[in-house]
Amino acid sequence: MTSATPRPRTPAASVPHRPTARLIATDLDGTLLRDDKSVSDRTVAALAAAEEAGIEVFFVTGRPARWMDVVSDHVHGHGLAICGNGAAVVDLHGGAGSHRFVKLRELRREDALDVVHVLRDAAPGTSFAVERTGGLHHEPTYPPLHLEPGESVAPAEKLLAEDSDAADQPVLKVLAYHPELAPDEFLTVARAAVDGRVEITRSSPSALLEISGSGVSKASTLELCCAERGITPAEVVAFGDMPNDIEMLSWAGTSYAMGNAHPDVIAAASGRTVANNEDGVAVVIEQILRDRLTG
């Protein structure tokens, strides 16, 4: 993940008055997970302690549901996760390979096709992949950036056609990759070109953009889930490290940028913890639980 210029570390306890936390919302890659994609024993213990104390934990990630096995063994309580940058809410209780979609906020096929055409003009050389509920489909020129082969390989227009082999599976997001532009430059160009018709963000260190339906983000889906539980933004503590976390960190009453976070994430968060490889999420959870005992 992109690292920010080192700054003095901000201890969890240095954040001004923090209302009672009822829900912890944490990103995975670069945040809860270490760089080797593991969950440390300290973090596992902190998550379990939070749930035991009555604090719900939501994993909120850009990952698709089928990549959630990395945390399935650490599900407590409700066992729900927000995947695909808000495009899906998934029940993890079934364990590895048995995840169930609870809520879908799909990208309309027409909007997906529109953004493909717009980005081809705005950033020539862009290649695309289509993330559906059943798997990833990509163009021949799309690089092998993911952990799996594509379900099908064809031009994006064919992948998004009404008669495609996967047409019965909702589109969760479109991925756009550029081989030459810098990641933040590509994001700026793309957002200007689509002019708000869809949501565009990024979480990769490469020039890989993630495109969701209008109004769909980690923040907006988390807000829906919290409203269903009677939880206010002031009662949410959120963690993240990359631009796709910014809306969530801005929405939550208390938020932490990781020590390894993108500079824009640091600017959006109300606090800062240590890096993912130093168990920054666990550090804050432990402090929250200590505050409860002494408060």
C-alpha atoms as a PDB file:
ATOM      1  CA  MET A   1       0.000   0.000   0.000  1.00  0.00           C
ATOM      2  CA  THR A   2       1.024   3.591  -0.529  1.00  0.00           C
ATOM      3  CA  SER A   3       2.850   4.948   2.491  1.00  0.00           C
ATOM      4  CA  ALA A   4       2.438   8.495   3.697  1.00  0.00           C
ATOM      5  CA  THR A   5       5.302  10.704   4.788  1.00  0.00           C
ATOM      6  CA  PRO A   6       6.114   9.601   8.354  1.00  0.00           C
ATOM      7  CA  ARG A   7       4.504  11.752  11.024  1.00  0.00           C
ATOM      8  CA  PRO A   8       4.564  11.534  14.816  1.00  0.00           C
ATOM      9  CA  ARG A   9       2.352   8.680  15.937  1.00  0.00           C
ATOM     10  CA  THR A  10      -0.940   9.647  17.515  1.00  0.00           C
ATOM     11  CA  PRO A  11      -1.853   7.408  20.472  1.00  0.00           C
ATOM     12  CA  ALA A  12      -5.445   6.216  20.440  1.00  0.00           C
ATOM     13  CA  ALA A  13      -6.134   7.998  23.722  1.00  0.00           C
ATOM     14  CA  SER A  14      -5.164  11.392  22.305  1.00  0.00           C
ATOM     15  CA  VAL A  15      -8.373  11.763  20.303  1.00  0.00           C
ATOM     16  CA  PRO A  16     -10.859  14.181  21.969  1.00  0.00           C
ATOM     17  CA  HIS A  17     -13.981  12.886  23.756  1.00  0.00           C
ATOM     18  CA  ARG A  18     -15.176   9.683  22.124  1.00  0.00           C
ATOM     19  CA  PRO A  19     -18.840   8.640  22.592  1.00  0.00           C
ATOM     20  CA  THR A  20     -19.521   5.035  23.550  1.00  0.00           C
ATOM     21  CA  ALA A  21     -18.594   2.839  20.597  1.00  0.00           C
ATOM     22  CA  ARG A  22     -21.327   0.471  19.425  1.00  0.00           C
ATOM     23  CA  LEU A  23     -19.791  -0.590  16.100  1.00  0.00           C
ATOM     24  CA  ILE A  24     -16.276  -0.917  14.716  1.00  0.00           C
ATOM     25  CA  ALA A  25     -15.954  -0.708  10.922  1.00  0.00           C
ATOM     26  CA  THR A  26     -12.594  -1.778   9.588  1.00  0.00           C
ATOM     27  CA  ASP A  27     -11.072  -2.109   6.164  1.00  0.00           C
ATOM     28  CA  LEU A  28      -9.017  -5.256   5.573  1.00  0.00           C
ATOM     29  CA  ASP A  29      -6.011  -4.927   3.219  1.00  0.00           C
ATOM     30  CA  GLY A  30      -3.466  -2.487   4.594  1.00  0.00           C
ATOM     31  CA  THR A  31      -5.594  -1.992   7.705  1.00  0.00           C
ATOM     32  CA  LEU A  32      -6.716  -5.045   9.695  1.00  0.00           C
ATOM     33  CA  LEU A  33      -4.555  -7.473   7.713  1.00  0.00           C
ATOM     34  CA  ARG A  34      -0.785  -7.431   7.847  1.00  0.00           C
ATOM     35  CA  ASP A  35       1.087  -7.177   4.558  1.00  0.00           C
ATOM     36  CA  ASP A  36       1.293 -10.976   4.362  1.00  0.00           C
ATOM     37  CA  LYS A  37      -2.566 -11.020   4.524  1.00  0.00           C
ATOM     38  CA  SER A  38      -2.590 -12.610   7.966  1.00  0.00           C
ATOM     39  CA  VAL A  39      -4.597 -11.549  11.011  1.00  0.00           C
ATOM     40  CA  SER A  40      -2.297 -11.370  14.020  1.00  0.00           C
ATOM     41  CA  ASP A  41      -3.100 -13.142  17.286  1.00  0.00           C
ATOM     42  CA  ARG A  42      -3.302  -9.753  18.969  1.00  0.00           C
ATOM     43  CA  THR A  43      -5.878  -8.538  16.454  1.00  0.00           C
ATOM     44  CA  VAL A  44      -7.925 -11.741  16.721  1.00  0.00           C
ATOM     45  CA  ALA A  45      -8.026 -11.295  20.497  1.00  0.00           C
ATOM     46  CA  ALA A  46      -9.010  -7.618  20.202  1.00  0.00           C
ATOM     47  CA  LEU A  47     -11.883  -8.379  17.804  1.00  0.00           C
ATOM     48  CA  ALA A  48     -13.190 -11.110  20.106  1.00  0.00           C
ATOM     49  CA  ALA A  49     -12.938  -8.821  23.134  1.00  0.00           C
ATOM     50  CA  ALA A  50     -14.852  -6.065  21.326  1.00  0.00           C
ATOM     51  CA  GLU A  51     -17.687  -8.440  20.417  1.00  0.00           C
ATOM     52  CA  GLU A  52     -17.745  -9.808  23.974  1.00  0.00           C
ATOM     53  CA  ALA A  53     -18.101  -6.235  25.234  1.00  0.00           C
ATOM     54  CA  GLY A  54     -21.157  -5.756  23.001  1.00  0.00           C
ATOM     55  CA  ILE A  55     -19.442  -3.836  20.194  1.00  0.00           C
ATOM     56  CA  GLU A  56     -20.356  -5.068  16.721  1.00  0.00           C
ATOM     57  CA  VAL A  57     -17.532  -5.485  14.201  1.00  0.00           C
ATOM     58  CA  PHE A  58     -18.068  -4.974  10.480  1.00  0.00           C
ATOM     59  CA  PHE A  59     -15.415  -5.855   7.940  1.00  0.00           C
ATOM     60  CA  VAL A  60     -15.762  -3.199   5.209  1.00  0.00           C
ATOM     61  CA  THR A  61     -13.657  -3.952   2.151  1.00  0.00           C
ATOM     62  CA  GLY A  62     -13.220  -3.612  -1.574  1.00  0.00           C
ATOM     63  CA  ARG A  63     -12.728  -7.383  -1.765  1.00  0.00           C
ATOM     64  CA  PRO A  64     -15.393  -9.590  -3.343  1.00  0.00           C
ATOM     65  CA  ALA A  65     -17.256 -12.045  -1.109  1.00  0.00           C
ATOM     66  CA  ARG A  66     -15.230 -15.020  -2.343  1.00  0.00           C
ATOM     67  CA  TRP A  67     -12.041 -13.410  -0.979  1.00  0.00           C
ATOM     68  CA  MET A  68     -13.374 -13.197   2.577  1.00  0.00           C
ATOM     69  CA  ASP A  69     -11.988 -16.540   3.714  1.00  0.00           C
ATOM     70  CA  VAL A  70      -9.065 -14.610   5.172  1.00  0.00           C
ATOM     71  CA  VAL A  71     -11.326 -13.398   8.011  1.00  0.00           C
ATOM     72  CA  SER A  72     -14.073 -16.049   8.079  1.00  0.00           C
ATOM     73  CA  ASP A  73     -12.410 -17.798  11.012  1.00  0.00           C
ATOM     74  CA  HIS A  74     -12.575 -14.582  13.040  1.00  0.00           C
ATOM     75  CA  VAL A  75     -16.311 -13.954  12.749  1.00  0.00           C
ATOM     76  CA  HIS A  76     -18.094 -13.342  16.015  1.00  0.00           C
ATOM     77  CA  GLY A  77     -21.579 -12.018  16.721  1.00  0.00           C
ATOM     78  CA  HIS A  78     -23.498 -11.072  13.578  1.00  0.00           C
ATOM     79  CA  GLY A  79     -20.838 -12.158  11.068  1.00  0.00           C
ATOM     80  CA  LEU A  80     -21.692  -9.627   8.370  1.00  0.00           C
ATOM     81  CA  ALA A  81     -19.263  -7.935   5.998  1.00  0.00           C
ATOM     82  CA  ILE A  82     -19.596  -5.130   3.464  1.00  0.00           C
ATOM     83  CA  CYS A  83     -17.809  -6.164   0.262  1.00  0.00           C
ATOM     84  CA  GLY A  84     -17.044  -4.630  -3.119  1.00  0.00           C
ATOM     85  CA  ASN A  85     -16.781  -1.089  -1.709  1.00  0.00           C
ATOM     86  CA  GLY A  86     -20.398  -1.210  -0.571  1.00  0.00           C
ATOM     87  CA  ALA A  87     -21.885  -3.181  -3.464  1.00  0.00           C
ATOM     88  CA  ALA A  88     -22.771  -6.181  -1.289  1.00  0.00           C
ATOM     89  CA  VAL A  89     -23.493  -7.119   2.302  1.00  0.00           C
ATOM     90  CA  VAL A  90     -22.425 -10.705   2.931  1.00  0.00           C
ATOM     91  CA  ASP A  91     -23.170 -13.184   5.717  1.00  0.00           C
ATOM     92  CA  LEU A  92     -19.907 -14.944   6.644  1.00  0.00           C
ATOM     93  CA  HIS A  93     -21.419 -17.432   9.094  1.00  0.00           C
ATOM     94  CA  GLY A  94     -21.340 -20.290   6.586  1.00  0.00           C
ATOM     95  CA  GLY A  95     -17.551 -20.381   6.656  1.00  0.00           C
ATOM     96  CA  ALA A  96     -15.101 -20.618   3.774  1.00  0.00           C
ATOM     97  CA  GLY A  97     -16.816 -20.888   0.399  1.00  0.00           C
ATOM     98  CA  SER A  98     -20.336 -20.585   1.846  1.00  0.00           C
ATOM     99  CA  HIS A  99     -20.870 -16.847   1.945  1.00  0.00           C
ATOM    100  CA  ARG A 100     -24.430 -15.627   1.389  1.00  0.00           C
ATOM    101  CA  PHE A 101     -25.409 -12.285  -0.155  1.00  0.00           C
ATOM    102  CA  VAL A 102     -27.742 -10.364   2.165  1.00  0.00           C
ATOM    103  CA  LYS A 103     -27.944  -7.090   0.233  1.00  0.00           C
ATOM    104  CA  LEU A 104     -26.872  -6.079  -3.288  1.00  0.00           C
ATOM    105  CA  ARG A 105     -26.342  -2.553  -4.632  1.00  0.00           C
ATOM    106  CA  GLU A 106     -25.448  -3.338  -8.195  1.00  0.00           C
ATOM    107  CA  LEU A 107     -23.941  -1.231 -10.967  1.00  0.00           C
ATOM    108  CA  ARG A 108     -26.467  -0.919 -13.782  1.00  0.00           C
ATOM    109  CA  ARG A 109     -25.308  -2.520 -17.014  1.00  0.00           C
ATOM    110  CA  GLU A 110     -26.056   0.673 -18.960  1.00  0.00           C
ATOM    111  CA  ASP A 111     -23.965   2.763 -16.568  1.00  0.00           C
ATOM    112  CA  ALA A 112     -21.125   0.246 -16.734  1.00  0.00           C
ATOM    113  CA  LEU A 113     -21.084   0.390 -20.520  1.00  0.00           C
ATOM    114  CA  ASP A 114     -21.215   4.172 -20.429  1.00  0.00           C
ATOM    115  CA  VAL A 115     -18.195   4.467 -18.145  1.00  0.00           C
ATOM    116  CA  VAL A 116     -16.225   2.002 -20.292  1.00  0.00           C
ATOM    117  CA  HIS A 117     -16.800   4.193 -23.369  1.00  0.00           C
ATOM    118  CA  VAL A 118     -16.026   7.405 -21.485  1.00  0.00           C
ATOM    119  CA  LEU A 119     -12.757   6.096 -20.033  1.00  0.00           C
ATOM    120  CA  ARG A 120     -11.619   4.653 -23.352  1.00  0.00           C
ATOM    121  CA  ASP A 121     -11.803   8.213 -24.713  1.00  0.00           C
ATOM    122  CA  ALA A 122     -10.429   9.997 -21.633  1.00  0.00           C
ATOM    123  CA  ALA A 123      -7.548   7.583 -20.981  1.00  0.00           C
ATOM    124  CA  PRO A 124      -6.609   5.581 -24.088  1.00  0.00           C
ATOM    125  CA  GLY A 125      -4.988   2.276 -23.208  1.00  0.00           C
ATOM    126  CA  THR A 126      -7.353   1.520 -20.317  1.00  0.00           C
ATOM    127  CA  SER A 127      -8.352  -2.127 -19.943  1.00  0.00           C
ATOM    128  CA  PHE A 128     -11.365  -3.390 -18.004  1.00  0.00           C
ATOM    129  CA  ALA A 129     -12.658  -6.193 -15.825  1.00  0.00           C
ATOM    130  CA  VAL A 130     -16.224  -6.808 -14.685  1.00  0.00           C
ATOM    131  CA  GLU A 131     -16.883  -8.084 -11.165  1.00  0.00           C
ATOM    132  CA  ARG A 132     -20.205  -9.965 -10.940  1.00  0.00           C
ATOM    133  CA  THR A 133     -21.697 -11.893  -8.052  1.00  0.00           C
ATOM    134  CA  GLY A 134     -20.373 -15.118  -9.573  1.00  0.00           C
ATOM    135  CA  GLY A 135     -16.830 -14.085 -10.424  1.00  0.00           C
ATOM    136  CA  LEU A 136     -14.455 -11.861 -12.370  1.00  0.00           C
ATOM    137  CA  HIS A 137     -14.595 -11.399 -16.166  1.00  0.00           C
ATOM    138  CA  HIS A 138     -11.952  -9.370 -17.989  1.00  0.00           C
ATOM    139  CA  GLU A 139     -10.589  -8.129 -21.272  1.00  0.00           C
ATOM    140  CA  PRO A 140      -7.641  -9.873 -22.986  1.00  0.00           C
ATOM    141  CA  THR A 141      -5.351  -6.909 -22.213  1.00  0.00           C
ATOM    142  CA  TYR A 142      -6.307  -6.690 -18.538  1.00  0.00           C
ATOM    143  CA  PRO A 143      -3.240  -7.704 -16.480  1.00  0.00           C
ATOM    144  CA  PRO A 144      -3.247 -10.602 -13.990  1.00  0.00           C
ATOM    145  CA  LEU A 145      -3.709  -8.381 -10.942  1.00  0.00           C
ATOM    146  CA  HIS A 146      -5.949 -10.704  -8.965  1.00  0.00           C
ATOM    147  CA  LEU A 147      -5.740 -13.984  -7.143  1.00  0.00           C
ATOM    148  CA  GLU A 148      -7.724 -15.938  -9.719  1.00  0.00           C
ATOM    149  CA  PRO A 149      -8.203 -16.352 -13.485  1.00  0.00           C
ATOM    150  CA  GLY A 150     -11.172 -14.683 -15.144  1.00  0.00           C
ATOM    151  CA  GLU A 151     -14.415 -16.605 -15.545  1.00  0.00           C
ATOM    152  CA  SER A 152     -14.465 -15.351 -19.137  1.00  0.00           C
ATOM    153  CA  VAL A 153     -12.200 -13.211 -21.321  1.00  0.00           C
ATOM    154  CA  ALA A 154     -13.619 -10.814 -23.926  1.00  0.00           C
ATOM    155  CA  PRO A 155     -13.938  -7.086 -24.713  1.00  0.00           C
ATOM    156  CA  ALA A 156     -15.822  -5.221 -21.994  1.00  0.00           C
ATOM    157  CA  GLU A 157     -18.726  -4.506 -24.325  1.00  0.00           C
ATOM    158  CA  LYS A 158     -19.249  -8.239 -24.805  1.00  0.00           C
ATOM    159  CA  LEU A 159     -18.837  -8.959 -21.101  1.00  0.00           C
ATOM    160  CA  LEU A 160     -21.575  -6.419 -20.387  1.00  0.00           C
ATOM    161  CA  ALA A 161     -23.901  -7.422 -23.224  1.00  0.00           C
ATOM    162  CA  GLU A 162     -27.479  -8.398 -22.437  1.00  0.00           C
ATOM    163  CA  ASP A 163     -26.833 -11.871 -23.841  1.00  0.00           C
ATOM    164  CA  SER A 164     -23.467 -12.504 -22.150  1.00  0.00           C
ATOM    165  CA  ASP A 165     -22.959 -15.860 -20.444  1.00  0.00           C
ATOM    166  CA  ALA A 166     -23.115 -14.164 -17.037  1.00  0.00           C
ATOM    167  CA  ALA A 167     -25.938 -11.729 -17.781  1.00  0.00           C
ATOM    168  CA  ASP A 168     -28.057 -13.219 -14.976  1.00  0.00           C
ATOM    169  CA  GLN A 169     -25.431 -12.211 -12.383  1.00  0.00           C
ATOM    170  CA  PRO A 170     -25.603  -8.602 -11.079  1.00  0.00           C
ATOM    171  CA  VAL A 171     -22.590  -6.392 -11.783  1.00  0.00           C
ATOM    172  CA  LEU A 172     -20.996  -5.268  -8.517  1.00  0.00           C
ATOM    173  CA  LYS A 173     -18.235  -3.120  -9.971  1.00  0.00           C
ATOM    174  CA  VAL A 174     -16.075  -2.479 -13.007  1.00  0.00           C
ATOM    175  CA  LEU A 175     -12.296  -2.367 -12.668  1.00  0.00           C
ATOM    176  CA  ALA A 176     -10.232  -0.120 -14.930  1.00  0.00           C
ATOM    177  CA  TYR A 177      -6.450  -0.436 -15.278  1.00  0.00           C
ATOM    178  CA  HIS A 178      -4.014   1.915 -16.988  1.00  0.00           C
ATOM    179  CA  PRO A 179      -0.440   0.796 -17.709  1.00  0.00           C
ATOM    180  CA  GLU A 180       1.175   4.250 -17.728  1.00  0.00           C
ATOM    181  CA  LEU A 181      -0.727   6.806 -15.643  1.00  0.00           C
ATOM    182  CA  ALA A 182       0.108   7.296 -11.966  1.00  0.00           C
ATOM    183  CA  PRO A 183      -2.647   5.954  -9.692  1.00  0.00           C
ATOM    184  CA  ASP A 184      -3.873   9.302  -8.335  1.00  0.00           C
ATOM    185  CA  GLU A 185      -3.600  10.904 -11.781  1.00  0.00           C
ATOM    186  CA  PHE A 186      -5.770   8.168 -13.288  1.00  0.00           C
ATOM    187  CA  LEU A 187      -8.338   8.643 -10.519  1.00  0.00           C
ATOM    188  CA  THR A 188      -8.484  12.396 -11.147  1.00  0.00           C
ATOM    189  CA  VAL A 189      -8.850  11.952 -14.914  1.00  0.00           C
ATOM    190  CA  ALA A 190     -11.568   9.336 -14.528  1.00  0.00           C
ATOM    191  CA  ARG A 191     -13.629  11.285 -11.991  1.00  0.00           C
ATOM    192  CA  ALA A 192     -13.542  14.368 -14.202  1.00  0.00           C
ATOM    193  CA  ALA A 193     -14.580  12.354 -17.249  1.00  0.00           C
ATOM    194  CA  VAL A 194     -17.573  10.580 -15.686  1.00  0.00           C
ATOM    195  CA  ASP A 195     -18.747  13.740 -13.883  1.00  0.00           C
ATOM    196  CA  GLY A 196     -20.478  11.982 -10.994  1.00  0.00           C
ATOM    197  CA  ARG A 197     -22.505   9.464 -12.996  1.00  0.00           C
ATOM    198  CA  VAL A 198     -20.898   6.596 -11.060  1.00  0.00           C
ATOM    199  CA  GLU A 199     -18.623   6.274  -8.030  1.00  0.00           C
ATOM    200  CA  ILE A 200     -14.906   5.867  -8.759  1.00  0.00           C
ATOM    201  CA  THR A 201     -12.219   5.154  -6.194  1.00  0.00           C
ATOM    202  CA  ARG A 202      -9.056   3.120  -5.744  1.00  0.00           C
ATOM    203  CA  SER A 203      -7.366   0.916  -3.159  1.00  0.00           C
ATOM    204  CA  SER A 204      -4.467  -0.588  -5.111  1.00  0.00           C
ATOM    205  CA  PRO A 205      -0.909   0.783  -5.289  1.00  0.00           C
ATOM    206  CA  SER A 206      -1.197   0.415  -9.083  1.00  0.00           C
ATOM    207  CA  ALA A 207      -3.336   2.494 -11.465  1.00  0.00           C
ATOM    208  CA  LEU A 208      -6.397   0.330 -10.863  1.00  0.00           C
ATOM    209  CA  LEU A 209      -9.748   2.050 -10.404  1.00  0.00           C
ATOM    210  CA  GLU A 210     -12.879   0.551  -8.837  1.00  0.00           C
ATOM    211  CA  ILE A 211     -16.182   1.747 -10.282  1.00  0.00           C
ATOM    212  CA  SER A 212     -19.508   1.310  -8.463  1.00  0.00           C
ATOM    213  CA  GLY A 213     -23.067   2.434  -8.994  1.00  0.00           C
ATOM    214  CA  SER A 214     -24.094   6.004  -8.272  1.00  0.00           C
ATOM    215  CA  GLY A 215     -24.170   6.607  -4.521  1.00  0.00           C
ATOM    216  CA  VAL A 216     -22.616   3.242  -3.687  1.00  0.00           C
ATOM    217  CA  SER A 217     -19.654   3.395  -1.318  1.00  0.00           C
ATOM    218  CA  LYS A 218     -18.388   1.840   1.867  1.00  0.00           C
ATOM    219  CA  ALA A 219     -19.885   4.779   3.735  1.00  0.00           C
ATOM    220  CA  SER A 220     -23.368   4.673   2.230  1.00  0.00           C
ATOM    221  CA  THR A 221     -23.799   0.929   2.738  1.00  0.00           C
ATOM    222  CA  LEU A 222     -22.398   1.129   6.259  1.00  0.00           C
ATOM    223  CA  GLU A 223     -24.883   3.923   6.954  1.00  0.00           C
ATOM    224  CA  LEU A 224     -27.746   1.684   5.786  1.00  0.00           C
ATOM    225  CA  CYS A 225     -26.556  -1.186   7.989  1.00  0.00           C
ATOM    226  CA  CYS A 226     -26.177   1.093  10.992  1.00  0.00           C
ATOM    227  CA  ALA A 227     -29.619   2.645  10.484  1.00  0.00           C
ATOM    228  CA  GLU A 228     -31.148  -0.846  10.546  1.00  0.00           C
ATOM    229  CA  ARG A 229     -29.551  -1.339  13.967  1.00  0.00           C
ATOM    230  CA  GLY A 230     -30.335   2.098  15.377  1.00  0.00           C
ATOM    231  CA  ILE A 231     -26.643   3.003  15.451  1.00  0.00           C
ATOM    232  CA  THR A 232     -25.677   6.632  14.823  1.00  0.00           C
ATOM    233  CA  PRO A 233     -22.470   7.840  13.124  1.00  0.00           C
ATOM    234  CA  ALA A 234     -21.276   9.127  16.509  1.00  0.00           C
ATOM    235  CA  GLU A 235     -21.298   5.532  17.796  1.00  0.00           C
ATOM    236  CA  VAL A 236     -19.107   4.197  14.963  1.00  0.00           C
ATOM    237  CA  VAL A 237     -15.310   3.871  15.028  1.00  0.00           C
ATOM    238  CA  ALA A 238     -13.802   3.312  11.561  1.00  0.00           C
ATOM    239  CA  PHE A 239     -10.358   2.361  10.253  1.00  0.00           C
ATOM    240  CA  GLY A 240      -8.810   2.630   6.780  1.00  0.00           C
ATOM    241  CA  ASP A 241      -5.723   3.297   4.708  1.00  0.00           C
ATOM    242  CA  MET A 242      -6.642   4.066   1.082  1.00  0.00           C
ATOM    243  CA  PRO A 243      -8.880   6.469  -0.911  1.00  0.00           C
ATOM    244  CA  ASN A 244     -11.796   4.001  -0.994  1.00  0.00           C
ATOM    245  CA  ASP A 245     -11.983   4.443   2.801  1.00  0.00           C
ATOM    246  CA  ILE A 246     -12.225   8.237   2.832  1.00  0.00           C
ATOM    247  CA  GLU A 247     -16.036   8.557   2.744  1.00  0.00           C
ATOM    248  CA  MET A 248     -16.393   5.985   5.534  1.00  0.00           C
ATOM    249  CA  LEU A 249     -13.787   7.705   7.701  1.00  0.00           C
ATOM    250  CA  SER A 250     -15.456  11.069   7.137  1.00  0.00           C
ATOM    251  CA  TRP A 251     -18.908   9.671   7.999  1.00  0.00           C
ATOM    252  CA  ALA A 252     -17.952   7.858  11.203  1.00  0.00           C
ATOM    253  CA  GLY A 253     -17.956   9.798  14.450  1.00  0.00           C
ATOM    254  CA  THR A 254     -14.430   8.600  15.241  1.00  0.00           C
ATOM    255  CA  SER A 255     -12.016   7.424  12.578  1.00  0.00           C
ATOM    256  CA  TYR A 256      -8.404   6.358  12.318  1.00  0.00           C
ATOM    257  CA  ALA A 257      -5.968   6.431   9.435  1.00  0.00           C
ATOM    258  CA  MET A 258      -3.356   3.720   9.634  1.00  0.00           C
ATOM    259  CA  GLY A 259       0.285   4.647  10.019  1.00  0.00           C
ATOM    260  CA  ASN A 260       0.801   3.418   6.448  1.00  0.00           C
ATOM    261  CA  ALA A 261      -2.175   5.357   5.040  1.00  0.00           C
ATOM    262  CA  HIS A 262      -2.437   7.458   1.882  1.00  0.00           C
ATOM    263  CA  PRO A 263      -2.039  11.192   2.666  1.00  0.00           C
ATOM    264  CA  ASP A 264      -5.654  11.953   1.695  1.00  0.00           C
ATOM    265  CA  VAL A 265      -6.845   9.325   4.170  1.00  0.00           C
ATOM    266  CA  ILE A 266      -4.793  10.873   6.949  1.00  0.00           C
ATOM    267  CA  ALA A 267      -6.399  14.231   6.178  1.00  0.00           C
ATOM    268  CA  ALA A 268      -9.922  12.732   6.297  1.00  0.00           C
ATOM    269  CA  ALA A 269      -9.603  10.801   9.561  1.00  0.00           C
ATOM    270  CA  SER A 270     -10.113  12.261  13.031  1.00  0.00           C
ATOM    271  CA  GLY A 271      -7.182  10.293  14.458  1.00  0.00           C
ATOM    272  CA  ARG A 272      -4.224   8.167  13.505  1.00  0.00           C
ATOM    273  CA  THR A 273      -2.977   4.830  14.745  1.00  0.00           C
ATOM    274  CA  VAL A 274       0.144   2.804  14.000  1.00  0.00           C
ATOM    275  CA  ALA A 275       0.632   0.796  10.801  1.00  0.00           C
ATOM    276  CA  ASN A 276      -1.169  -2.401   9.870  1.00  0.00           C
ATOM    277  CA  ASN A 277       1.983  -4.462  10.491  1.00  0.00           C
ATOM    278  CA  GLU A 278       2.030  -3.053  14.045  1.00  0.00           C
ATOM    279  CA  ASP A 279      -1.611  -4.058  14.722  1.00  0.00           C
ATOM    280  CA  GLY A 280      -2.938  -0.506  14.592  1.00  0.00           C
ATOM    281  CA  VAL A 281      -6.594  -1.581  14.742  1.00  0.00           C
ATOM    282  CA  ALA A 282      -5.970  -3.726  17.811  1.00  0.00           C
ATOM    283  CA  VAL A 283      -4.127  -0.852  19.517  1.00  0.00           C
ATOM    284  CA  VAL A 284      -7.234   1.333  19.288  1.00  0.00           C
ATOM    285  CA  ILE A 285      -9.707  -1.399  20.244  1.00  0.00           C
ATOM    286  CA  GLU A 286      -7.664  -2.188  23.339  1.00  0.00           C
ATOM    287  CA  GLN A 287      -7.717   1.495  24.279  1.00  0.00           C
ATOM    288  CA  ILE A 288     -11.497   1.701  23.764  1.00  0.00           C
ATOM    289  CA  LEU A 289     -12.006  -1.272  26.073  1.00  0.00           C
ATOM    290  CA  ARG A 290      -9.636   0.199  28.686  1.00  0.00           C
ATOM    291  CA  ASP A 291     -11.566   3.473  28.550  1.00  0.00           C
ATOM    292  CA  ARG A 292     -14.765   1.571  29.288  1.00  0.00           C
ATOM    293  CA  LEU A 293     -13.254   0.041  32.395  1.00  0.00           C
ATOM    294  CA  THR A 294     -11.888   3.329  33.726  1.00  0.00           C
ATOM    295  CA  GLY A 295     -14.703   5.597  32.512  1.00  0.00           C
END
